[in-house]
PDB file of all heavy atoms in Angstrom:
ATOM      1  N   GLN A   1      -2.573 -80.510 -61.843  1.00  0.00           N
ATOM      2  CA  GLN A   1      -1.298 -80.320 -61.189  1.00  0.00           C
ATOM      3  C   GLN A   1      -1.337 -80.959 -59.803  1.00  0.00           C
ATOM      4  O   GLN A   1      -2.314 -80.807 -59.078  1.00  0.00           O
ATOM      5  CB  GLN A   1      -0.965 -78.832 -61.073  1.00  0.00           C
ATOM      6  CG  GLN A   1       0.363 -78.567 -60.420  1.00  0.00           C
ATOM      7  CD  GLN A   1       0.633 -77.084 -60.217  1.00  0.00           C
ATOM      8  OE1 GLN A   1      -0.290 -76.270 -60.267  1.00  0.00           O
ATOM      9  NE2 GLN A   1       1.879 -76.753 -59.979  1.00  0.00           N
ATOM     10  N   VAL A   2      -0.272 -81.668 -59.460  1.00  0.00           N
ATOM     11  CA  VAL A   2      -0.114 -82.256 -58.137  1.00  0.00           C
ATOM     12  C   VAL A   2       1.039 -81.543 -57.450  1.00  0.00           C
ATOM     13  O   VAL A   2       2.140 -81.439 -57.993  1.00  0.00           O
ATOM     14  CB  VAL A   2       0.163 -83.758 -58.217  1.00  0.00           C
ATOM     15  CG1 VAL A   2       0.380 -84.326 -56.816  1.00  0.00           C
ATOM     16  CG2 VAL A   2      -0.992 -84.464 -58.903  1.00  0.00           C
ATOM     17  N   ARG A   3       0.779 -81.082 -56.251  1.00  0.00           N
ATOM     18  CA  ARG A   3       1.790 -80.385 -55.484  1.00  0.00           C
ATOM     19  C   ARG A   3       1.901 -80.988 -54.096  1.00  0.00           C
ATOM     20  O   ARG A   3       0.903 -81.386 -53.496  1.00  0.00           O
ATOM     21  CB  ARG A   3       1.460 -78.902 -55.358  1.00  0.00           C
ATOM     22  CG  ARG A   3       1.438 -78.146 -56.669  1.00  0.00           C
ATOM     23  CD  ARG A   3       1.018 -76.710 -56.433  1.00  0.00           C
ATOM     24  NE  ARG A   3       1.942 -76.024 -55.552  1.00  0.00           N
ATOM     25  CZ  ARG A   3       1.577 -75.173 -54.597  1.00  0.00           C
ATOM     26  NH1 ARG A   3       0.283 -74.913 -54.411  1.00  0.00           N
ATOM     27  NH2 ARG A   3       2.485 -74.574 -53.851  1.00  0.00           N
ATOM     28  N   LEU A   4       3.114 -81.055 -53.598  1.00  0.00           N
ATOM     29  CA  LEU A   4       3.389 -81.478 -52.240  1.00  0.00           C
ATOM     30  C   LEU A   4       4.157 -80.357 -51.567  1.00  0.00           C
ATOM     31  O   LEU A   4       5.198 -79.922 -52.065  1.00  0.00           O
ATOM     32  CB  LEU A   4       4.227 -82.760 -52.200  1.00  0.00           C
ATOM     33  CG  LEU A   4       3.557 -84.084 -52.576  1.00  0.00           C
ATOM     34  CD1 LEU A   4       3.307 -84.172 -54.078  1.00  0.00           C
ATOM     35  CD2 LEU A   4       4.429 -85.240 -52.118  1.00  0.00           C
ATOM     36  N   VAL A   5       3.645 -79.904 -50.453  1.00  0.00           N
ATOM     37  CA  VAL A   5       4.262 -78.792 -49.750  1.00  0.00           C
ATOM     38  C   VAL A   5       4.489 -79.183 -48.303  1.00  0.00           C
ATOM     39  O   VAL A   5       3.532 -79.434 -47.564  1.00  0.00           O
ATOM     40  CB  VAL A   5       3.397 -77.526 -49.829  1.00  0.00           C
ATOM     41  CG1 VAL A   5       4.081 -76.380 -49.096  1.00  0.00           C
ATOM     42  CG2 VAL A   5       3.137 -77.145 -51.279  1.00  0.00           C
ATOM     43  N   GLU A   6       5.757 -79.221 -47.904  1.00  0.00           N
ATOM     44  CA  GLU A   6       6.114 -79.560 -46.532  1.00  0.00           C
ATOM     45  C   GLU A   6       6.130 -78.318 -45.659  1.00  0.00           C
ATOM     46  O   GLU A   6       6.405 -77.213 -46.122  1.00  0.00           O
ATOM     47  CB  GLU A   6       7.495 -80.220 -46.471  1.00  0.00           C
ATOM     48  CG  GLU A   6       7.648 -81.475 -47.310  1.00  0.00           C
ATOM     49  CD  GLU A   6       8.264 -81.192 -48.660  1.00  0.00           C
ATOM     50  OE1 GLU A   6       8.162 -80.046 -49.148  1.00  0.00           O
ATOM     51  OE2 GLU A   6       8.860 -82.121 -49.242  1.00  0.00           O
ATOM     52  N   SER A   7       5.886 -78.541 -44.392  1.00  0.00           N
ATOM     53  CA  SER A   7       5.994 -77.476 -43.413  1.00  0.00           C
ATOM     54  C   SER A   7       6.306 -78.094 -42.058  1.00  0.00           C
ATOM     55  O   SER A   7       6.176 -79.297 -41.870  1.00  0.00           O
ATOM     56  CB  SER A   7       4.710 -76.644 -43.348  1.00  0.00           C
ATOM     57  OG  SER A   7       3.613 -77.436 -42.923  1.00  0.00           O
ATOM     58  N   GLY A   8       6.719 -77.271 -41.134  1.00  0.00           N
ATOM     59  CA  GLY A   8       6.945 -77.723 -39.777  1.00  0.00           C
ATOM     60  C   GLY A   8       8.392 -77.887 -39.379  1.00  0.00           C
ATOM     61  O   GLY A   8       8.679 -78.165 -38.209  1.00  0.00           O
ATOM     62  N   GLY A   9       9.299 -77.732 -40.316  1.00  0.00           N
ATOM     63  CA  GLY A   9      10.700 -77.840 -39.973  1.00  0.00           C
ATOM     64  C   GLY A   9      11.147 -76.685 -39.105  1.00  0.00           C
ATOM     65  O   GLY A   9      10.456 -75.679 -38.951  1.00  0.00           O
ATOM     66  N   GLY A  10      12.300 -76.844 -38.526  1.00  0.00           N
ATOM     67  CA  GLY A  10      12.839 -75.807 -37.677  1.00  0.00           C
ATOM     68  C   GLY A  10      14.038 -76.298 -36.919  1.00  0.00           C
ATOM     69  O   GLY A  10      14.591 -77.365 -37.206  1.00  0.00           O
ATOM     70  N   SER A  11      14.433 -75.524 -35.954  1.00  0.00           N
ATOM     71  CA  SER A  11      15.571 -75.853 -35.110  1.00  0.00           C
ATOM     72  C   SER A  11      15.074 -76.210 -33.720  1.00  0.00           C
ATOM     73  O   SER A  11      14.272 -75.479 -33.130  1.00  0.00           O
ATOM     74  CB  SER A  11      16.534 -74.663 -35.046  1.00  0.00           C
ATOM     75  OG  SER A  11      17.663 -74.970 -34.259  1.00  0.00           O
ATOM     76  N   VAL A  12      15.544 -77.330 -33.219  1.00  0.00           N
ATOM     77  CA  VAL A  12      15.077 -77.812 -31.925  1.00  0.00           C
ATOM     78  C   VAL A  12      16.233 -78.449 -31.167  1.00  0.00           C
ATOM     79  O   VAL A  12      17.148 -79.021 -31.766  1.00  0.00           O
ATOM     80  CB  VAL A  12      13.918 -78.822 -32.108  1.00  0.00           C
ATOM     81  CG1 VAL A  12      14.401 -80.066 -32.848  1.00  0.00           C
ATOM     82  CG2 VAL A  12      13.298 -79.195 -30.771  1.00  0.00           C
ATOM     83  N   GLN A  13      16.182 -78.334 -29.870  1.00  0.00           N
ATOM     84  CA  GLN A  13      17.211 -78.944 -29.032  1.00  0.00           C
ATOM     85  C   GLN A  13      17.038 -80.457 -29.001  1.00  0.00           C
ATOM     86  O   GLN A  13      15.919 -80.983 -29.079  1.00  0.00           O
ATOM     87  CB  GLN A  13      17.132 -78.372 -27.619  1.00  0.00           C
ATOM     88  CG  GLN A  13      18.277 -78.790 -26.714  1.00  0.00           C
ATOM     89  CD  GLN A  13      18.251 -78.060 -25.381  1.00  0.00           C
ATOM     90  OE1 GLN A  13      17.244 -77.488 -24.994  1.00  0.00           O
ATOM     91  NE2 GLN A  13      19.363 -78.081 -24.683  1.00  0.00           N
ATOM     92  N   ALA A  14      18.139 -81.150 -28.892  1.00  0.00           N
ATOM     93  CA  ALA A  14      18.089 -82.603 -28.778  1.00  0.00           C
ATOM     94  C   ALA A  14      17.144 -83.008 -27.658  1.00  0.00           C
ATOM     95  O   ALA A  14      17.151 -82.428 -26.571  1.00  0.00           O
ATOM     96  CB  ALA A  14      19.481 -83.166 -28.527  1.00  0.00           C
ATOM     97  N   GLY A  15      16.344 -84.008 -27.947  1.00  0.00           N
ATOM     98  CA  GLY A  15      15.335 -84.456 -27.006  1.00  0.00           C
ATOM     99  C   GLY A  15      13.975 -83.832 -27.237  1.00  0.00           C
ATOM    100  O   GLY A  15      12.975 -84.309 -26.684  1.00  0.00           O
ATOM    101  N   GLY A  16      13.944 -82.799 -28.053  1.00  0.00           N
ATOM    102  CA  GLY A  16      12.701 -82.126 -28.346  1.00  0.00           C
ATOM    103  C   GLY A  16      11.921 -82.813 -29.442  1.00  0.00           C
ATOM    104  O   GLY A  16      12.245 -83.924 -29.870  1.00  0.00           O
ATOM    105  N   ALA A  17      10.896 -82.130 -29.907  1.00  0.00           N
ATOM    106  CA  ALA A  17      10.000 -82.714 -30.888  1.00  0.00           C
ATOM    107  C   ALA A  17       9.597 -81.700 -31.944  1.00  0.00           C
ATOM    108  O   ALA A  17       9.566 -80.488 -31.692  1.00  0.00           O
ATOM    109  CB  ALA A  17       8.747 -83.263 -30.203  1.00  0.00           C
ATOM    110  N   LEU A  18       9.300 -82.208 -33.104  1.00  0.00           N
ATOM    111  CA  LEU A  18       8.751 -81.430 -34.193  1.00  0.00           C
ATOM    112  C   LEU A  18       7.709 -82.270 -34.903  1.00  0.00           C
ATOM    113  O   LEU A  18       7.780 -83.499 -34.887  1.00  0.00           O
ATOM    114  CB  LEU A  18       9.830 -81.017 -35.201  1.00  0.00           C
ATOM    115  CG  LEU A  18      10.821 -79.933 -34.806  1.00  0.00           C
ATOM    116  CD1 LEU A  18      11.903 -79.820 -35.876  1.00  0.00           C
ATOM    117  CD2 LEU A  18      10.115 -78.597 -34.625  1.00  0.00           C
ATOM    118  N   ARG A  19       6.776 -81.594 -35.524  1.00  0.00           N
ATOM    119  CA  ARG A  19       5.785 -82.275 -36.332  1.00  0.00           C
ATOM    120  C   ARG A  19       5.819 -81.685 -37.730  1.00  0.00           C
ATOM    121  O   ARG A  19       5.571 -80.491 -37.911  1.00  0.00           O
ATOM    122  CB  ARG A  19       4.392 -82.133 -35.737  1.00  0.00           C
ATOM    123  CG  ARG A  19       3.312 -82.916 -36.493  1.00  0.00           C
ATOM    124  CD  ARG A  19       1.960 -82.809 -35.806  1.00  0.00           C
ATOM    125  NE  ARG A  19       0.916 -83.532 -36.502  1.00  0.00           N
ATOM    126  CZ  ARG A  19       0.647 -84.818 -36.337  1.00  0.00           C
ATOM    127  NH1 ARG A  19       1.363 -85.539 -35.466  1.00  0.00           N
ATOM    128  NH2 ARG A  19      -0.335 -85.402 -37.014  1.00  0.00           N
ATOM    129  N   LEU A  20       6.138 -82.519 -38.684  1.00  0.00           N
ATOM    130  CA  LEU A  20       6.164 -82.107 -40.071  1.00  0.00           C
ATOM    131  C   LEU A  20       4.844 -82.446 -40.738  1.00  0.00           C
ATOM    132  O   LEU A  20       4.234 -83.477 -40.444  1.00  0.00           O
ATOM    133  CB  LEU A  20       7.298 -82.799 -40.825  1.00  0.00           C
ATOM    134  CG  LEU A  20       8.700 -82.689 -40.233  1.00  0.00           C
ATOM    135  CD1 LEU A  20       9.698 -83.371 -41.152  1.00  0.00           C
ATOM    136  CD2 LEU A  20       9.080 -81.236 -39.992  1.00  0.00           C
ATOM    137  N   SER A  21       4.432 -81.593 -41.639  1.00  0.00           N
ATOM    138  CA  SER A  21       3.214 -81.833 -42.384  1.00  0.00           C
ATOM    139  C   SER A  21       3.486 -81.690 -43.867  1.00  0.00           C
ATOM    140  O   SER A  21       4.302 -80.870 -44.283  1.00  0.00           O
ATOM    141  CB  SER A  21       2.113 -80.848 -41.971  1.00  0.00           C
ATOM    142  OG  SER A  21       1.731 -81.048 -40.628  1.00  0.00           O
ATOM    143  N   CYS A  22       2.794 -82.496 -44.633  1.00  0.00           N
ATOM    144  CA  CYS A  22       2.891 -82.447 -46.079  1.00  0.00           C
ATOM    145  C   CYS A  22       1.485 -82.324 -46.636  1.00  0.00           C
ATOM    146  O   CYS A  22       0.679 -83.251 -46.492  1.00  0.00           O
ATOM    147  CB  CYS A  22       3.582 -83.699 -46.621  1.00  0.00           C
ATOM    148  SG  CYS A  22       3.644 -83.806 -48.425  1.00  0.00           S
ATOM    149  N   LYS A  23       1.212 -81.206 -47.226  1.00  0.00           N
ATOM    150  CA  LYS A  23      -0.078 -80.993 -47.862  1.00  0.00           C
ATOM    151  C   LYS A  23       0.005 -81.493 -49.294  1.00  0.00           C
ATOM    152  O   LYS A  23       0.864 -81.052 -50.058  1.00  0.00           O
ATOM    153  CB  LYS A  23      -0.451 -79.519 -47.834  1.00  0.00           C
ATOM    154  CG  LYS A  23      -1.767 -79.188 -48.512  1.00  0.00           C
ATOM    155  CD  LYS A  23      -2.949 -79.753 -47.740  1.00  0.00           C
ATOM    156  CE  LYS A  23      -4.263 -79.305 -48.365  1.00  0.00           C
ATOM    157  NZ  LYS A  23      -5.424 -79.853 -47.631  1.00  0.00           N
ATOM    158  N   VAL A  24      -0.879 -82.418 -49.635  1.00  0.00           N
ATOM    159  CA  VAL A  24      -0.870 -83.036 -50.949  1.00  0.00           C
ATOM    160  C   VAL A  24      -2.081 -82.573 -51.727  1.00  0.00           C
ATOM    161  O   VAL A  24      -3.217 -82.835 -51.331  1.00  0.00           O
ATOM    162  CB  VAL A  24      -0.869 -84.568 -50.862  1.00  0.00           C
ATOM    163  CG1 VAL A  24      -0.804 -85.174 -52.261  1.00  0.00           C
ATOM    164  CG2 VAL A  24       0.285 -85.055 -50.012  1.00  0.00           C
TER     165      VAL A  24
END
């Protein structure tokens, strides 16, 4: 089985930053 799971999303003010991760 192959799974991809994203994380790191959220709500942020314009100009801010987020880091998304995908575990494969």
